[in-house]
C-alpha atoms as a PDB file:
ATOM      1  CA  UNK A   1     -32.284  27.649  41.368  1.00  0.00           C
ATOM      2  CA  UNK A   2     -34.026  24.386  41.540  1.00  0.00           C
ATOM      3  CA  UNK A   3     -35.035  24.877  37.931  1.00  0.00           C
ATOM      4  CA  UNK A   4     -31.440  25.255  36.680  1.00  0.00           C
ATOM      5  CA  UNK A   5     -30.265  21.951  38.914  1.00  0.00           C
ATOM      6  CA  UNK A   6     -33.075  20.086  37.049  1.00  0.00           C
ATOM      7  CA  UNK A   7     -32.056  21.299  33.742  1.00  0.00           C
ATOM      8  CA  UNK A   8     -28.489  20.274  34.639  1.00  0.00           C
ATOM      9  CA  UNK A   9     -29.383  17.116  35.924  1.00  0.00           C
ATOM     10  CA  UNK A  10     -31.292  16.390  32.748  1.00  0.00           C
ATOM     11  CA  UNK A  11     -28.423  17.069  30.350  1.00  0.00           C
ATOM     12  CA  UNK A  12     -26.457  14.617  32.563  1.00  0.00           C
ATOM     13  CA  UNK A  13     -28.872  12.525  32.154  1.00  0.00           C
ATOM     14  CA  UNK A  14     -29.147  12.734  28.180  1.00  0.00           C
ATOM     15  CA  UNK A  15     -25.063  12.462  28.146  1.00  0.00           C
ATOM     16  CA  UNK A  16     -25.004   9.335  30.018  1.00  0.00           C
ATOM     17  CA  UNK A  17     -27.758   7.501  27.910  1.00  0.00           C
ATOM     18  CA  UNK A  18     -25.956   8.976  24.825  1.00  0.00           C
ATOM     19  CA  UNK A  19     -22.651   7.273  25.936  1.00  0.00           C
ATOM     20  CA  UNK A  20     -24.317   4.290  26.904  1.00  0.00           C
ATOM     21  CA  UNK A  21     -26.436   3.851  23.590  1.00  0.00           C
ATOM     22  CA  UNK A  22     -23.283   4.477  21.662  1.00  0.00           C
ATOM     23  CA  UNK A  23     -21.247   1.647  23.800  1.00  0.00           C
ATOM     24  CA  UNK A  24     -23.953  -1.052  23.528  1.00  0.00           C
ATOM     25  CA  UNK A  25     -24.227  -0.142  19.829  1.00  0.00           C
ATOM     26  CA  UNK A  26     -20.377  -0.511  19.229  1.00  0.00           C
ATOM     27  CA  UNK A  27     -20.980  -3.964  20.895  1.00  0.00           C
ATOM     28  CA  UNK A  28     -23.555  -5.153  18.397  1.00  0.00           C
ATOM     29  CA  UNK A  29     -21.414  -3.744  15.410  1.00  0.00           C
ATOM     30  CA  UNK A  30     -19.129  -6.433  13.529  1.00  0.00           C
ATOM     31  CA  UNK A  31     -15.546  -6.425  15.127  1.00  0.00           C
ATOM     32  CA  UNK A  32     -12.487  -5.515  12.643  1.00  0.00           C
ATOM     33  CA  UNK A  33      -9.211  -6.606  12.600  1.00  0.00           C
ATOM     34  CA  UNK A  34      -5.943  -5.954  10.704  1.00  0.00           C
ATOM     35  CA  UNK A  35      -2.923  -7.425   9.305  1.00  0.00           C
ATOM     36  CA  UNK A  36       0.254  -5.656   8.241  1.00  0.00           C
ATOM     37  CA  UNK A  37       3.206  -5.972   5.972  1.00  0.00           C
ATOM     38  CA  UNK A  38       6.003  -3.859   4.945  1.00  0.00           C
ATOM     39  CA  UNK A  39       7.557  -3.744   1.366  1.00  0.00           C
ATOM     40  CA  UNK A  40      10.988  -2.331   0.710  1.00  0.00           C
ATOM     41  CA  UNK A  41      11.000  -0.525  -2.802  1.00  0.00           C
ATOM     42  CA  UNK A  42      14.507   0.372  -3.524  1.00  0.00           C
ATOM     43  CA  UNK A  43      15.413   3.476  -5.580  1.00  0.00           C
ATOM     44  CA  UNK A  44      18.697   4.342  -7.203  1.00  0.00           C
ATOM     45  CA  UNK A  45      20.940   6.551  -5.075  1.00  0.00           C
ATOM     46  CA  UNK A  46      19.129  10.033  -4.519  1.00  0.00           C
ATOM     47  CA  UNK A  47      20.699  13.408  -6.075  1.00  0.00           C
ATOM     48  CA  UNK A  48      19.571  16.452  -4.854  1.00  0.00           C
ATOM     49  CA  UNK A  49      17.439  17.177  -7.742  1.00  0.00           C
ATOM     50  CA  UNK A  50      16.078  13.595  -8.059  1.00  0.00           C
ATOM     51  CA  UNK A  51      14.139  13.919  -4.444  1.00  0.00           C
ATOM     52  CA  UNK A  52      10.550  14.728  -6.068  1.00  0.00           C
ATOM     53  CA  UNK A  53      11.150  11.898  -8.915  1.00  0.00           C
ATOM     54  CA  UNK A  54      11.735   9.478  -6.097  1.00  0.00           C
ATOM     55  CA  UNK A  55       9.092  10.701  -4.090  1.00  0.00           C
ATOM     56  CA  UNK A  56       6.601  10.321  -7.324  1.00  0.00           C
ATOM     57  CA  UNK A  57       8.230   6.830  -7.916  1.00  0.00           C
ATOM     58  CA  UNK A  58       7.057   5.508  -4.442  1.00  0.00           C
ATOM     59  CA  UNK A  59       3.898   7.449  -4.484  1.00  0.00           C
ATOM     60  CA  UNK A  60       3.066   5.314  -7.726  1.00  0.00           C
ATOM     61  CA  UNK A  61       3.487   2.201  -5.889  1.00  0.00           C
ATOM     62  CA  UNK A  62       1.140   3.246  -3.688  1.00  0.00           C
ATOM     63  CA  UNK A  63      -1.255   3.834  -6.584  1.00  0.00           C
ATOM     64  CA  UNK A  64      -0.300   0.154  -8.165  1.00  0.00           C
ATOM     65  CA  UNK A  65      -1.575  -1.401  -4.679  1.00  0.00           C
ATOM     66  CA  UNK A  66      -4.975   0.019  -5.153  1.00  0.00           C
ATOM     67  CA  UNK A  67      -5.063  -0.938  -9.198  1.00  0.00           C
ATOM     68  CA  UNK A  68      -7.573  -3.609 -10.417  1.00  0.00           C
ATOM     69  CA  UNK A  69      -4.695  -5.606 -11.686  1.00  0.00           C
ATOM     70  CA  UNK A  70      -3.418  -6.073  -8.069  1.00  0.00           C
ATOM     71  CA  UNK A  71      -6.658  -6.406  -6.207  1.00  0.00           C
ATOM     72  CA  UNK A  72      -8.509  -7.943  -8.915  1.00  0.00           C
ATOM     73  CA  UNK A  73      -7.234 -11.678  -8.774  1.00  0.00           C
ATOM     74  CA  UNK A  74      -6.937 -11.553  -5.050  1.00  0.00           C
ATOM     75  CA  UNK A  75     -10.685 -10.536  -4.710  1.00  0.00           C
ATOM     76  CA  UNK A  76     -11.842 -13.166  -7.192  1.00  0.00           C
ATOM     77  CA  UNK A  77      -9.885 -15.778  -5.505  1.00  0.00           C
ATOM     78  CA  UNK A  78     -11.552 -14.618  -1.905  1.00  0.00           C
ATOM     79  CA  UNK A  79     -15.202 -14.097  -3.401  1.00  0.00           C
ATOM     80  CA  UNK A  80     -15.411 -10.196  -3.109  1.00  0.00           C
ATOM     81  CA  UNK A  81     -15.467  -7.394  -5.444  1.00  0.00           C
ATOM     82  CA  UNK A  82     -12.277  -5.463  -6.161  1.00  0.00           C
ATOM     83  CA  UNK A  83     -14.009  -2.364  -4.804  1.00  0.00           C
ATOM     84  CA  UNK A  84     -14.689  -4.050  -1.530  1.00  0.00           C
ATOM     85  CA  UNK A  85     -11.152  -5.286  -0.947  1.00  0.00           C
ATOM     86  CA  UNK A  86      -9.831  -1.733  -2.128  1.00  0.00           C
ATOM     87  CA  UNK A  87     -11.599  -0.281   0.780  1.00  0.00           C
ATOM     88  CA  UNK A  88      -9.953  -3.065   2.968  1.00  0.00           C
ATOM     89  CA  UNK A  89      -6.540  -2.359   1.757  1.00  0.00           C
ATOM     90  CA  UNK A  90      -4.363   0.909   3.077  1.00  0.00           C
ATOM     91  CA  UNK A  91      -0.989   1.795   2.271  1.00  0.00           C
ATOM     92  CA  UNK A  92       1.573   4.575   3.075  1.00  0.00           C
ATOM     93  CA  UNK A  93       4.960   5.347   2.719  1.00  0.00           C
ATOM     94  CA  UNK A  94       7.238   5.388   6.252  1.00  0.00           C
ATOM     95  CA  UNK A  95       8.609   8.837   6.634  1.00  0.00           C
ATOM     96  CA  UNK A  96      11.877   9.077   5.488  1.00  0.00           C
ATOM     97  CA  UNK A  97      12.575   5.848   4.051  1.00  0.00           C
ATOM     98  CA  UNK A  98      11.700   3.382   1.391  1.00  0.00           C
ATOM     99  CA  UNK A  99       9.297   1.234   3.233  1.00  0.00           C
ATOM    100  CA  UNK A 100       5.703   0.687   2.427  1.00  0.00           C
ATOM    101  CA  UNK A 101       3.538  -0.413   5.141  1.00  0.00           C
ATOM    102  CA  UNK A 102       0.439  -2.298   3.926  1.00  0.00           C
ATOM    103  CA  UNK A 103      -2.772  -2.964   6.068  1.00  0.00           C
ATOM    104  CA  UNK A 104      -5.840  -5.199   5.251  1.00  0.00           C
ATOM    105  CA  UNK A 105      -8.530  -4.793   7.477  1.00  0.00           C
ATOM    106  CA  UNK A 106     -11.485  -7.509   7.696  1.00  0.00           C
ATOM    107  CA  UNK A 107     -13.857  -9.429  10.016  1.00  0.00           C
ATOM    108  CA  UNK A 108     -11.363 -11.911  11.070  1.00  0.00           C
ATOM    109  CA  UNK A 109      -7.231 -11.610  11.700  1.00  0.00           C
ATOM    110  CA  UNK A 110      -7.052 -14.968   9.778  1.00  0.00           C
ATOM    111  CA  UNK A 111      -8.930 -13.537   6.541  1.00  0.00           C
ATOM    112  CA  UNK A 112      -6.980 -10.298   6.734  1.00  0.00           C
ATOM    113  CA  UNK A 113      -3.784 -12.039   6.688  1.00  0.00           C
ATOM    114  CA  UNK A 114      -4.985 -14.354   4.132  1.00  0.00           C
ATOM    115  CA  UNK A 115      -6.065 -11.372   1.878  1.00  0.00           C
ATOM    116  CA  UNK A 116      -3.052  -9.434   2.421  1.00  0.00           C
ATOM    117  CA  UNK A 117      -0.735 -12.445   1.550  1.00  0.00           C
ATOM    118  CA  UNK A 118      -2.626 -12.317  -1.858  1.00  0.00           C
ATOM    119  CA  UNK A 119      -2.264  -8.543  -2.495  1.00  0.00           C
ATOM    120  CA  UNK A 120       1.266  -8.683  -1.562  1.00  0.00           C
ATOM    121  CA  UNK A 121       2.227 -11.394  -3.732  1.00  0.00           C
ATOM    122  CA  UNK A 122       0.212 -10.101  -6.706  1.00  0.00           C
ATOM    123  CA  UNK A 123       1.973  -6.756  -6.338  1.00  0.00           C
ATOM    124  CA  UNK A 124       5.131  -7.782  -6.094  1.00  0.00           C
ATOM    125  CA  UNK A 125       4.853  -9.958  -9.667  1.00  0.00           C
ATOM    126  CA  UNK A 126       3.360  -6.544 -11.212  1.00  0.00           C
ATOM    127  CA  UNK A 127       6.037  -4.269  -9.830  1.00  0.00           C
ATOM    128  CA  UNK A 128       8.544  -6.463 -10.662  1.00  0.00           C
ATOM    129  CA  UNK A 129       7.643  -7.533 -14.153  1.00  0.00           C
ATOM    130  CA  UNK A 130       9.787  -5.219 -16.001  1.00  0.00           C
ATOM    131  CA  UNK A 131      12.616  -4.298 -13.628  1.00  0.00           C
ATOM    132  CA  UNK A 132      15.464  -5.979 -15.977  1.00  0.00           C
ATOM    133  CA  UNK A 133      16.514  -4.032 -19.131  1.00  0.00           C
ATOM    134  CA  UNK A 134      16.232  -6.718 -22.087  1.00  0.00           C
ATOM    135  CA  UNK A 135      18.506  -5.113 -24.236  1.00  0.00           C
ATOM    136  CA  UNK A 136      21.963  -5.821 -22.506  1.00  0.00           C
ATOM    137  CA  UNK A 137      20.721  -9.720 -22.368  1.00  0.00           C
ATOM    138  CA  UNK A 138      19.730  -9.527 -25.826  1.00  0.00           C
ATOM    139  CA  UNK A 139      23.363  -8.323 -26.821  1.00  0.00           C
ATOM    140  CA  UNK A 140      24.885 -10.663 -24.926  1.00  0.00           C
ATOM    141  CA  UNK A 141      23.186 -13.642 -26.551  1.00  0.00           C
ATOM    142  CA  UNK A 142      23.960 -12.452 -29.590  1.00  0.00           C
ATOM    143  CA  UNK A 143      27.594 -12.133 -28.821  1.00  0.00           C
ATOM    144  CA  UNK A 144      27.810 -15.384 -27.495  1.00  0.00           C
ATOM    145  CA  UNK A 145      26.257 -16.899 -30.791  1.00  0.00           C
ATOM    146  CA  UNK A 146      28.745 -15.254 -32.525  1.00  0.00           C
ATOM    147  CA  UNK A 147      31.715 -16.269 -30.729  1.00  0.00           C
ATOM    148  CA  UNK A 148      30.195 -19.472 -30.832  1.00  0.00           C
ATOM    149  CA  UNK A 149      30.452 -19.588 -34.683  1.00  0.00           C
ATOM    150  CA  UNK A 150      33.821 -18.288 -34.757  1.00  0.00           C
ATOM    151  CA  UNK A 151      34.699 -21.224 -32.967  1.00  0.00           C
ATOM    152  CA  UNK A 152      33.619 -23.694 -35.552  1.00  0.00           C
ATOM    153  CA  UNK A 153      36.369 -25.254 -37.508  1.00  0.00           C
ATOM    154  CA  UNK A 154      35.031 -25.120 -41.236  1.00  0.00           C
ATOM    155  CA  UNK A 155      34.587 -21.430 -41.371  1.00  0.00           C
ATOM    156  CA  UNK A 156      35.700 -19.489 -44.348  1.00  0.00           C
ATOM    157  CA  UNK A 157      37.818 -16.431 -44.335  1.00  0.00           C
ATOM    158  CA  UNK A 158      35.023 -14.262 -45.607  1.00  0.00           C
ATOM    159  CA  UNK A 159      32.453 -15.597 -42.931  1.00  0.00           C
ATOM    160  CA  UNK A 160      34.988 -15.360 -40.194  1.00  0.00           C
ATOM    161  CA  UNK A 161      35.655 -11.380 -41.141  1.00  0.00           C
ATOM    162  CA  UNK A 162      32.164 -10.882 -41.089  1.00  0.00           C
ATOM    163  CA  UNK A 163      31.312 -12.493 -37.842  1.00  0.00           C
ATOM    164  CA  UNK A 164      34.587 -10.551 -36.688  1.00  0.00           C
ATOM    165  CA  UNK A 165      33.121  -7.545 -37.388  1.00  0.00           C
ATOM    166  CA  UNK A 166      30.038  -8.186 -36.238  1.00  0.00           C
ATOM    167  CA  UNK A 167      31.431  -9.325 -32.570  1.00  0.00           C
ATOM    168  CA  UNK A 168      33.223  -5.697 -32.405  1.00  0.00           C
ATOM    169  CA  UNK A 169      29.910  -3.982 -33.069  1.00  0.00           C
ATOM    170  CA  UNK A 170      28.332  -6.116 -30.390  1.00  0.00           C
ATOM    171  CA  UNK A 171      30.918  -5.563 -27.984  1.00  0.00           C
ATOM    172  CA  UNK A 172      30.868  -1.783 -28.541  1.00  0.00           C
ATOM    173  CA  UNK A 173      27.428  -1.687 -27.989  1.00  0.00           C
ATOM    174  CA  UNK A 174      27.412  -3.486 -24.480  1.00  0.00           C
ATOM    175  CA  UNK A 175      30.574  -1.189 -23.539  1.00  0.00           C
ATOM    176  CA  UNK A 176      28.292   1.711 -24.227  1.00  0.00           C
ATOM    177  CA  UNK A 177      25.763   0.426 -22.345  1.00  0.00           C
ATOM    178  CA  UNK A 178      27.666  -0.453 -19.418  1.00  0.00           C
ATOM    179  CA  UNK A 179      29.321   3.065 -19.514  1.00  0.00           C
ATOM    180  CA  UNK A 180      25.661   4.660 -19.312  1.00  0.00           C
ATOM    181  CA  UNK A 181      24.636   2.155 -16.505  1.00  0.00           C
ATOM    182  CA  UNK A 182      24.598   3.998 -13.011  1.00  0.00           C
ATOM    183  CA  UNK A 183      27.186   2.324 -10.677  1.00  0.00           C
ATOM    184  CA  UNK A 184      24.260   1.768  -8.325  1.00  0.00           C
ATOM    185  CA  UNK A 185      22.398  -0.231 -10.435  1.00  0.00           C
ATOM    186  CA  UNK A 186      20.217  -2.493  -8.801  1.00  0.00           C
ATOM    187  CA  UNK A 187      21.236  -6.554  -8.673  1.00  0.00           C
ATOM    188  CA  UNK A 188      17.772  -7.557  -8.067  1.00  0.00           C
ATOM    189  CA  UNK A 189      14.214  -6.329  -8.549  1.00  0.00           C
ATOM    190  CA  UNK A 190      13.063  -3.214  -6.594  1.00  0.00           C
ATOM    191  CA  UNK A 191      10.102  -4.548  -4.519  1.00  0.00           C
ATOM    192  CA  UNK A 192      10.795  -7.074  -1.940  1.00  0.00           C
ATOM    193  CA  UNK A 193       9.191  -8.064   1.283  1.00  0.00           C
ATOM    194  CA  UNK A 194      10.746  -6.570   4.389  1.00  0.00           C
ATOM    195  CA  UNK A 195       8.274  -7.801   6.847  1.00  0.00           C
ATOM    196  CA  UNK A 196       5.720 -10.810   5.919  1.00  0.00           C
ATOM    197  CA  UNK A 197       2.273 -10.251   6.531  1.00  0.00           C
ATOM    198  CA  UNK A 198       1.481 -10.556  10.335  1.00  0.00           C
ATOM    199  CA  UNK A 199      -1.901 -10.041  12.419  1.00  0.00           C
ATOM    200  CA  UNK A 200      -2.219  -6.921  14.528  1.00  0.00           C
ATOM    201  CA  UNK A 201      -2.938  -7.445  17.958  1.00  0.00           C
ATOM    202  CA  UNK A 202      -6.428  -6.065  19.338  1.00  0.00           C
ATOM    203  CA  UNK A 203      -9.310  -4.911  17.560  1.00  0.00           C
ATOM    204  CA  UNK A 204      -8.823  -1.786  14.879  1.00  0.00           C
ATOM    205  CA  UNK A 205     -12.462  -1.038  14.859  1.00  0.00           C
ATOM    206  CA  UNK A 206     -15.023   0.069  16.150  1.00  0.00           C
ATOM    207  CA  UNK A 207     -13.767   0.570  19.686  1.00  0.00           C
ATOM    208  CA  UNK A 208     -16.339   0.848  22.505  1.00  0.00           C
ATOM    209  CA  UNK A 209     -14.448   4.207  23.509  1.00  0.00           C
ATOM    210  CA  UNK A 210     -15.249   5.420  19.867  1.00  0.00           C
ATOM    211  CA  UNK A 211     -19.120   4.298  20.479  1.00  0.00           C
ATOM    212  CA  UNK A 212     -19.141   6.046  23.966  1.00  0.00           C
ATOM    213  CA  UNK A 213     -17.716   9.288  22.774  1.00  0.00           C
ATOM    214  CA  UNK A 214     -19.784   9.443  19.444  1.00  0.00           C
ATOM    215  CA  UNK A 215     -22.876   8.829  21.586  1.00  0.00           C
ATOM    216  CA  UNK A 216     -21.815  11.544  24.079  1.00  0.00           C
ATOM    217  CA  UNK A 217     -21.081  13.945  21.410  1.00  0.00           C
ATOM    218  CA  UNK A 218     -24.635  13.126  20.024  1.00  0.00           C
ATOM    219  CA  UNK A 219     -26.426  13.658  23.325  1.00  0.00           C
ATOM    220  CA  UNK A 220     -24.228  16.721  23.895  1.00  0.00           C
ATOM    221  CA  UNK A 221     -25.715  18.261  20.757  1.00  0.00           C
ATOM    222  CA  UNK A 222     -29.270  17.141  22.032  1.00  0.00           C
ATOM    223  CA  UNK A 223     -28.937  18.716  25.565  1.00  0.00           C
ATOM    224  CA  UNK A 224     -27.517  21.878  24.198  1.00  0.00           C
ATOM    225  CA  UNK A 225     -30.435  22.272  22.102  1.00  0.00           C
ATOM    226  CA  UNK A 226     -32.954  21.389  25.020  1.00  0.00           C
ATOM    227  CA  UNK A 227     -31.098  24.134  26.723  1.00  0.00           C
ATOM    228  CA  UNK A 228     -32.034  26.408  24.092  1.00  0.00           C
ATOM    229  CA  UNK A 229     -35.429  25.650  24.281  1.00  0.00           C
ATOM    230  CA  UNK A 230     -35.771  26.214  27.794  1.00  0.00           C
ATOM    231  CA  UNK A 231     -34.018  29.549  27.460  1.00  0.00           C
ATOM    232  CA  UNK A 232     -36.069  30.638  25.089  1.00  0.00           C
ATOM    233  CA  UNK A 233     -39.187  29.876  26.848  1.00  0.00           C
ATOM    234  CA  UNK A 234     -38.115  31.368  29.961  1.00  0.00           C
ATOM    235  CA  UNK A 235     -37.512  34.447  28.036  1.00  0.00           C
ATOM    236  CA  UNK A 236     -40.999  34.559  26.623  1.00  0.00           C
ATOM    237  CA  UNK A 237     -42.340  34.003  29.837  1.00  0.00           C
END
């Protein structure tokens, strides 16, 4: 009976030492803090058969946030590698929404916010680079030029007829484009900042609770091994 009590006491000591070692170890590790921002990426009005396409569109934006084209300039400006910045950046779509939450973890809150602001600015410039369709704008410019030429006083009848025919063609093309454009077409770029970068309160890792729990878990494995050795020795004796 006393032997069992002694073994139990030994296991408790091992657990306490393990938890204490994990707790102290975390205190010695560099602290990590986070900054957070939210981006709203506007999708066209969903149809039932377009839900998968829209999910893929948002997933593509998550991939874009981790590309070298977005992270490279930010990493270079802050004297770090794109790979290190990619490890610090996390992004996820808020369930049931068009909102993308972006976090950056770093050794200080201030630097995390600076890095995140750079990532968001760079992402917006890339994501919104080609949001406008250049074809209608080009046709509209051509139409304006034709109408301006038609207003010139010294225009010959032949030139006026040619310009009038060209005007009719341009107007027809613009009408076709407008007819094929969805009624919910965007009036602005798809990606915009919903919540500007801000510092997340509190330390995000590693926490003392995590260190103590990790140390206690490792100690529990050691204690189980000790119990196994004692049990085998008793069986042999």
